[in-house]
PDB file of N, CA and C in Angstrom:
ATOM      1  N   MET A   1     156.651 125.215  -9.151  1.00  0.00           N
ATOM      2  CA  MET A   1     157.182 124.083  -9.403  1.00  0.00           C
ATOM      3  C   MET A   1     158.567 124.141 -10.826  1.00  0.00           C
ATOM      4  N   THR A   2     159.299 123.566 -10.471  1.00  0.00           N
ATOM      5  CA  THR A   2     160.408 123.492 -11.453  1.00  0.00           C
ATOM      6  C   THR A   2     160.116 123.076 -12.571  1.00  0.00           C
ATOM      7  N   ASN A   3     160.578 123.150 -13.888  1.00  0.00           N
ATOM      8  CA  ASN A   3     160.723 122.481 -15.046  1.00  0.00           C
ATOM      9  C   ASN A   3     161.135 120.990 -14.704  1.00  0.00           C
ATOM     10  N   LYS A   4     162.354 120.664 -13.904  1.00  0.00           N
ATOM     11  CA  LYS A   4     162.716 119.350 -14.096  1.00  0.00           C
ATOM     12  C   LYS A   4     161.598 118.507 -12.875  1.00  0.00           C
ATOM     13  N   ALA A   5     161.199 118.911 -12.076  1.00  0.00           N
ATOM     14  CA  ALA A   5     159.934 118.185 -11.380  1.00  0.00           C
ATOM     15  C   ALA A   5     158.691 118.324 -12.194  1.00  0.00           C
ATOM     16  N   TRP A   6     158.229 119.216 -12.884  1.00  0.00           N
ATOM     17  CA  TRP A   6     157.435 118.941 -14.213  1.00  0.00           C
ATOM     18  C   TRP A   6     157.553 117.760 -15.029  1.00  0.00           C
ATOM     19  N   ARG A   7     158.805 117.943 -15.507  1.00  0.00           N
ATOM     20  CA  ARG A   7     159.126 116.836 -16.424  1.00  0.00           C
ATOM     21  C   ARG A   7     159.083 114.960 -15.850  1.00  0.00           C
ATOM     22  N   VAL A   8     159.294 115.200 -14.650  1.00  0.00           N
ATOM     23  CA  VAL A   8     159.459 113.927 -13.675  1.00  0.00           C
ATOM     24  C   VAL A   8     157.941 113.612 -13.574  1.00  0.00           C
ATOM     25  N   THR A   9     157.014 114.447 -13.266  1.00  0.00           N
ATOM     26  CA  THR A   9     155.560 114.139 -13.039  1.00  0.00           C
ATOM     27  C   THR A   9     155.193 113.793 -14.045  1.00  0.00           C
ATOM     28  N   ILE A  10     155.375 114.507 -15.185  1.00  0.00           N
ATOM     29  CA  ILE A  10     154.602 113.912 -16.573  1.00  0.00           C
ATOM     30  C   ILE A  10     155.323 112.361 -17.031  1.00  0.00           C
ATOM     31  N   GLU A  11     156.456 112.274 -16.773  1.00  0.00           N
ATOM     32  CA  GLU A  11     157.228 110.841 -17.132  1.00  0.00           C
ATOM     33  C   GLU A  11     156.214 109.790 -15.917  1.00  0.00           C
ATOM     34  N   ASP A  12     156.073 110.248 -15.009  1.00  0.00           N
ATOM     35  CA  ASP A  12     155.519 109.258 -14.000  1.00  0.00           C
ATOM     36  C   ASP A  12     154.117 109.308 -14.292  1.00  0.00           C
ATOM     37  N   ILE A  13     153.569 110.016 -14.683  1.00  0.00           N
ATOM     38  CA  ILE A  13     152.089 110.000 -15.136  1.00  0.00           C
ATOM     39  C   ILE A  13     152.378 108.990 -16.423  1.00  0.00           C
ATOM     40  N   GLU A  14     153.033 109.128 -17.194  1.00  0.00           N
ATOM     41  CA  GLU A  14     153.139 108.581 -18.466  1.00  0.00           C
ATOM     42  C   GLU A  14     153.368 107.229 -18.285  1.00  0.00           C
ATOM     43  N   TYR A  15     154.392 106.753 -17.203  1.00  0.00           N
ATOM     44  CA  TYR A  15     154.495 105.177 -17.092  1.00  0.00           C
ATOM     45  C   TYR A  15     153.255 104.743 -16.609  1.00  0.00           C
ATOM     46  N   MET A  16     152.595 105.372 -15.588  1.00  0.00           N
ATOM     47  CA  MET A  16     151.721 104.762 -15.035  1.00  0.00           C
ATOM     48  C   MET A  16     150.303 104.671 -15.955  1.00  0.00           C
ATOM     49  N   ALA A  17     150.270 105.326 -17.003  1.00  0.00           N
ATOM     50  CA  ALA A  17     149.297 105.310 -17.742  1.00  0.00           C
ATOM     51  C   ALA A  17     149.396 103.987 -18.706  1.00  0.00           C
ATOM     52  N   ASN A  18     150.741 103.981 -19.001  1.00  0.00           N
ATOM     53  CA  ASN A  18     150.764 102.515 -19.536  1.00  0.00           C
ATOM     54  C   ASN A  18     151.031 101.459 -19.031  1.00  0.00           C
ATOM     55  N   ALA A  19     151.462 101.334 -17.581  1.00  0.00           N
ATOM     56  CA  ALA A  19     151.037 100.475 -16.853  1.00  0.00           C
ATOM     57  C   ALA A  19     149.509  99.905 -16.895  1.00  0.00           C
ATOM     58  N   VAL A  20     148.691 100.912 -16.626  1.00  0.00           N
ATOM     59  CA  VAL A  20     147.292 100.571 -16.330  1.00  0.00           C
ATOM     60  C   VAL A  20     146.736 100.015 -17.941  1.00  0.00           C
ATOM     61  N   CYS A  21     147.230 100.524 -18.578  1.00  0.00           N
ATOM     62  CA  CYS A  21     146.855 100.312 -20.040  1.00  0.00           C
ATOM     63  C   CYS A  21     147.099  99.022 -20.421  1.00  0.00           C
ATOM     64  N   GLU A  22     148.234  98.432 -20.158  1.00  0.00           N
ATOM     65  CA  GLU A  22     148.654  97.026 -20.289  1.00  0.00           C
ATOM     66  C   GLU A  22     148.024  95.981 -19.730  1.00  0.00           C
ATOM     67  N   ILE A  23     147.296  96.121 -18.076  1.00  0.00           N
ATOM     68  CA  ILE A  23     146.479  95.622 -17.703  1.00  0.00           C
ATOM     69  C   ILE A  23     145.052  95.706 -18.146  1.00  0.00           C
ATOM     70  N   PHE A  24     144.486  97.037 -18.366  1.00  0.00           N
ATOM     71  CA  PHE A  24     143.001  97.395 -18.707  1.00  0.00           C
ATOM     72  C   PHE A  24     142.952  97.587 -19.974  1.00  0.00           C
ATOM     73  N   ASP A  25     141.751  98.054 -20.162  1.00  0.00           N
ATOM     74  CA  ASP A  25     141.507  98.514 -21.997  1.00  0.00           C
ATOM     75  C   ASP A  25     142.204  99.856 -21.733  1.00  0.00           C
ATOM     76  N   GLU A  26     142.224 100.701 -22.908  1.00  0.00           N
ATOM     77  CA  GLU A  26     142.543 102.090 -23.159  1.00  0.00           C
ATOM     78  C   GLU A  26     141.468 102.905 -22.472  1.00  0.00           C
ATOM     79  N   SER A  27     140.511 102.774 -22.744  1.00  0.00           N
ATOM     80  CA  SER A  27     139.355 103.487 -21.874  1.00  0.00           C
ATOM     81  C   SER A  27     139.206 103.724 -20.343  1.00  0.00           C
ATOM     82  N   VAL A  28     140.073 103.046 -20.012  1.00  0.00           N
ATOM     83  CA  VAL A  28     140.313 102.923 -18.273  1.00  0.00           C
ATOM     84  C   VAL A  28     141.066 104.105 -18.120  1.00  0.00           C
ATOM     85  N   VAL A  29     142.275 104.539 -19.033  1.00  0.00           N
ATOM     86  CA  VAL A  29     143.074 105.250 -18.762  1.00  0.00           C
ATOM     87  C   VAL A  29     142.649 106.753 -19.310  1.00  0.00           C
ATOM     88  N   GLU A  30     141.822 106.529 -20.081  1.00  0.00           N
ATOM     89  CA  GLU A  30     141.376 107.788 -20.770  1.00  0.00           C
ATOM     90  C   GLU A  30     140.215 108.482 -19.746  1.00  0.00           C
ATOM     91  N   SER A  31     139.901 107.406 -19.109  1.00  0.00           N
ATOM     92  CA  SER A  31     138.581 108.016 -18.046  1.00  0.00           C
ATOM     93  C   SER A  31     139.171 109.026 -16.640  1.00  0.00           C
ATOM     94  N   SER A  32     140.594 108.640 -16.602  1.00  0.00           N
ATOM     95  CA  SER A  32     141.471 109.438 -15.782  1.00  0.00           C
ATOM     96  C   SER A  32     141.582 110.598 -16.364  1.00  0.00           C
ATOM     97  N   PHE A  33     142.044 110.650 -17.669  1.00  0.00           N
ATOM     98  CA  PHE A  33     142.430 111.957 -18.090  1.00  0.00           C
ATOM     99  C   PHE A  33     141.075 112.887 -18.342  1.00  0.00           C
ATOM    100  N   LEU A  34     140.075 112.243 -18.890  1.00  0.00           N
ATOM    101  CA  LEU A  34     138.798 113.252 -18.841  1.00  0.00           C
ATOM    102  C   LEU A  34     138.052 113.555 -17.713  1.00  0.00           C
ATOM    103  N   MET A  35     138.347 113.320 -16.541  1.00  0.00           N
ATOM    104  CA  MET A  35     137.883 113.789 -15.448  1.00  0.00           C
ATOM    105  C   MET A  35     138.156 115.380 -15.377  1.00  0.00           C
ATOM    106  N   TYR A  36     139.693 115.735 -15.871  1.00  0.00           N
ATOM    107  CA  TYR A  36     140.293 116.626 -15.876  1.00  0.00           C
ATOM    108  C   TYR A  36     140.068 117.226 -17.369  1.00  0.00           C
ATOM    109  N   ASP A  37     139.428 117.302 -18.226  1.00  0.00           N
ATOM    110  CA  ASP A  37     139.206 117.819 -19.544  1.00  0.00           C
ATOM    111  C   ASP A  37     140.602 117.577 -20.476  1.00  0.00           C
ATOM    112  N   ALA A  38     141.417 116.741 -20.113  1.00  0.00           N
ATOM    113  CA  ALA A  38     142.144 116.394 -20.623  1.00  0.00           C
ATOM    114  C   ALA A  38     142.296 115.228 -21.496  1.00  0.00           C
ATOM    115  N   THR A  39     143.318 114.917 -22.614  1.00  0.00           N
ATOM    116  CA  THR A  39     143.207 113.654 -23.330  1.00  0.00           C
ATOM    117  C   THR A  39     144.620 112.860 -23.327  1.00  0.00           C
ATOM    118  N   CYS A  40     145.676 113.337 -22.648  1.00  0.00           N
ATOM    119  CA  CYS A  40     146.935 112.786 -22.317  1.00  0.00           C
ATOM    120  C   CYS A  40     147.873 113.913 -21.391  1.00  0.00           C
ATOM    121  N   PRO A  41     148.962 113.438 -20.492  1.00  0.00           N
ATOM    122  CA  PRO A  41     149.507 114.004 -19.644  1.00  0.00           C
ATOM    123  C   PRO A  41     149.706 115.486 -19.874  1.00  0.00           C
ATOM    124  N   ASP A  42     150.055 115.743 -21.230  1.00  0.00           N
ATOM    125  CA  ASP A  42     150.685 117.108 -21.744  1.00  0.00           C
ATOM    126  C   ASP A  42     148.995 118.154 -21.711  1.00  0.00           C
ATOM    127  N   ASP A  43     147.943 117.457 -21.716  1.00  0.00           N
ATOM    128  CA  ASP A  43     146.886 118.471 -21.674  1.00  0.00           C
ATOM    129  C   ASP A  43     146.383 118.667 -20.140  1.00  0.00           C
ATOM    130  N   LEU A  44     147.252 118.224 -19.113  1.00  0.00           N
ATOM    131  CA  LEU A  44     146.728 118.366 -17.708  1.00  0.00           C
ATOM    132  C   LEU A  44     147.208 119.949 -17.417  1.00  0.00           C
ATOM    133  N   CYS A  45     146.604 120.381 -16.499  1.00  0.00           N
ATOM    134  CA  CYS A  45     147.150 121.447 -15.690  1.00  0.00           C
ATOM    135  C   CYS A  45     147.772 121.028 -14.820  1.00  0.00           C
ATOM    136  N   PRO A  46     148.998 121.528 -14.298  1.00  0.00           N
ATOM    137  CA  PRO A  46     149.807 121.106 -13.189  1.00  0.00           C
ATOM    138  C   PRO A  46     149.337 120.971 -12.099  1.00  0.00           C
ATOM    139  N   SER A  47     148.328 121.523 -11.783  1.00  0.00           N
ATOM    140  CA  SER A  47     147.504 121.382 -10.348  1.00  0.00           C
ATOM    141  C   SER A  47     146.683 120.036 -10.306  1.00  0.00           C
ATOM    142  N   HIS A  48     146.500 119.169 -11.658  1.00  0.00           N
ATOM    143  CA  HIS A  48     145.700 117.932 -11.586  1.00  0.00           C
ATOM    144  C   HIS A  48     146.765 116.899 -11.611  1.00  0.00           C
ATOM    145  N   TYR A  49     147.853 117.273 -11.693  1.00  0.00           N
ATOM    146  CA  TYR A  49     149.182 115.911 -11.822  1.00  0.00           C
ATOM    147  C   TYR A  49     148.742 115.066 -10.816  1.00  0.00           C
ATOM    148  N   GLU A  50     148.754 115.450  -9.507  1.00  0.00           N
ATOM    149  CA  GLU A  50     148.769 114.451  -8.578  1.00  0.00           C
ATOM    150  C   GLU A  50     147.343 113.575  -8.252  1.00  0.00           C
ATOM    151  N   ALA A  51     146.569 114.247  -8.709  1.00  0.00           N
ATOM    152  CA  ALA A  51     145.107 113.550  -8.756  1.00  0.00           C
ATOM    153  C   ALA A  51     145.259 112.398  -9.556  1.00  0.00           C
ATOM    154  N   VAL A  52     145.724 113.099 -11.185  1.00  0.00           N
ATOM    155  CA  VAL A  52     145.331 111.772 -11.980  1.00  0.00           C
ATOM    156  C   VAL A  52     146.484 110.695 -11.892  1.00  0.00           C
ATOM    157  N   TYR A  53     147.437 110.924 -11.470  1.00  0.00           N
ATOM    158  CA  TYR A  53     148.636 109.979 -10.783  1.00  0.00           C
ATOM    159  C   TYR A  53     148.130 109.009 -10.041  1.00  0.00           C
ATOM    160  N   SER A  54     147.368 109.756  -9.065  1.00  0.00           N
ATOM    161  CA  SER A  54     147.010 108.915  -7.615  1.00  0.00           C
ATOM    162  C   SER A  54     145.515 108.144  -8.183  1.00  0.00           C
ATOM    163  N   ASP A  55     144.786 108.667  -9.298  1.00  0.00           N
ATOM    164  CA  ASP A  55     143.539 107.926  -9.705  1.00  0.00           C
ATOM    165  C   ASP A  55     144.450 106.615 -10.850  1.00  0.00           C
ATOM    166  N   LEU A  56     145.313 106.554 -11.289  1.00  0.00           N
ATOM    167  CA  LEU A  56     146.166 105.649 -12.017  1.00  0.00           C
ATOM    168  C   LEU A  56     146.691 104.696 -11.168  1.00  0.00           C
ATOM    169  N   LEU A  57     146.953 104.984 -10.094  1.00  0.00           N
ATOM    170  CA  LEU A  57     147.962 104.309  -9.397  1.00  0.00           C
ATOM    171  C   LEU A  57     146.845 103.411  -8.617  1.00  0.00           C
ATOM    172  N   LEU A  58     145.869 104.030  -8.107  1.00  0.00           N
ATOM    173  CA  LEU A  58     144.665 103.247  -7.642  1.00  0.00           C
ATOM    174  C   LEU A  58     143.963 102.155  -8.629  1.00  0.00           C
ATOM    175  N   LYS A  59     143.815 102.548  -9.702  1.00  0.00           N
ATOM    176  CA  LYS A  59     143.353 101.550 -10.963  1.00  0.00           C
ATOM    177  C   LYS A  59     144.383 100.151 -10.887  1.00  0.00           C
ATOM    178  N   TYR A  60     145.694 100.946 -11.048  1.00  0.00           N
ATOM    179  CA  TYR A  60     146.955  99.775 -11.120  1.00  0.00           C
ATOM    180  C   TYR A  60     147.114  98.845 -10.113  1.00  0.00           C
ATOM    181  N   SER A  61     146.448  99.283  -8.803  1.00  0.00           N
ATOM    182  CA  SER A  61     146.888  98.621  -7.494  1.00  0.00           C
ATOM    183  C   SER A  61     145.558  97.529  -7.266  1.00  0.00           C
ATOM    184  N   ASP A  62     144.442  97.990  -8.237  1.00  0.00           N
ATOM    185  CA  ASP A  62     142.795  97.247  -8.011  1.00  0.00           C
ATOM    186  C   ASP A  62     143.113  96.259  -8.801  1.00  0.00           C
ATOM    187  N   ARG A  63     144.102  95.588  -9.772  1.00  0.00           N
ATOM    188  CA  ARG A  63     144.318  94.764 -10.536  1.00  0.00           C
ATOM    189  C   ARG A  63     143.852  93.595  -9.973  1.00  0.00           C
TER     190      ARG A  63
END
């Protein structure tokens, strides 16, 4: 994965995390990261980016 693709993915995760946090409690967002032993997007292993983003997107869609 190129650095540009990595940054876009991190930005997407941060954007979705902020959107979910506006609707739900911060603990809902934290739960998406904790499944992968992370506390923020920067702590994630690149192989988990898609899964965390998908989880956040699902939570956002369920509002």
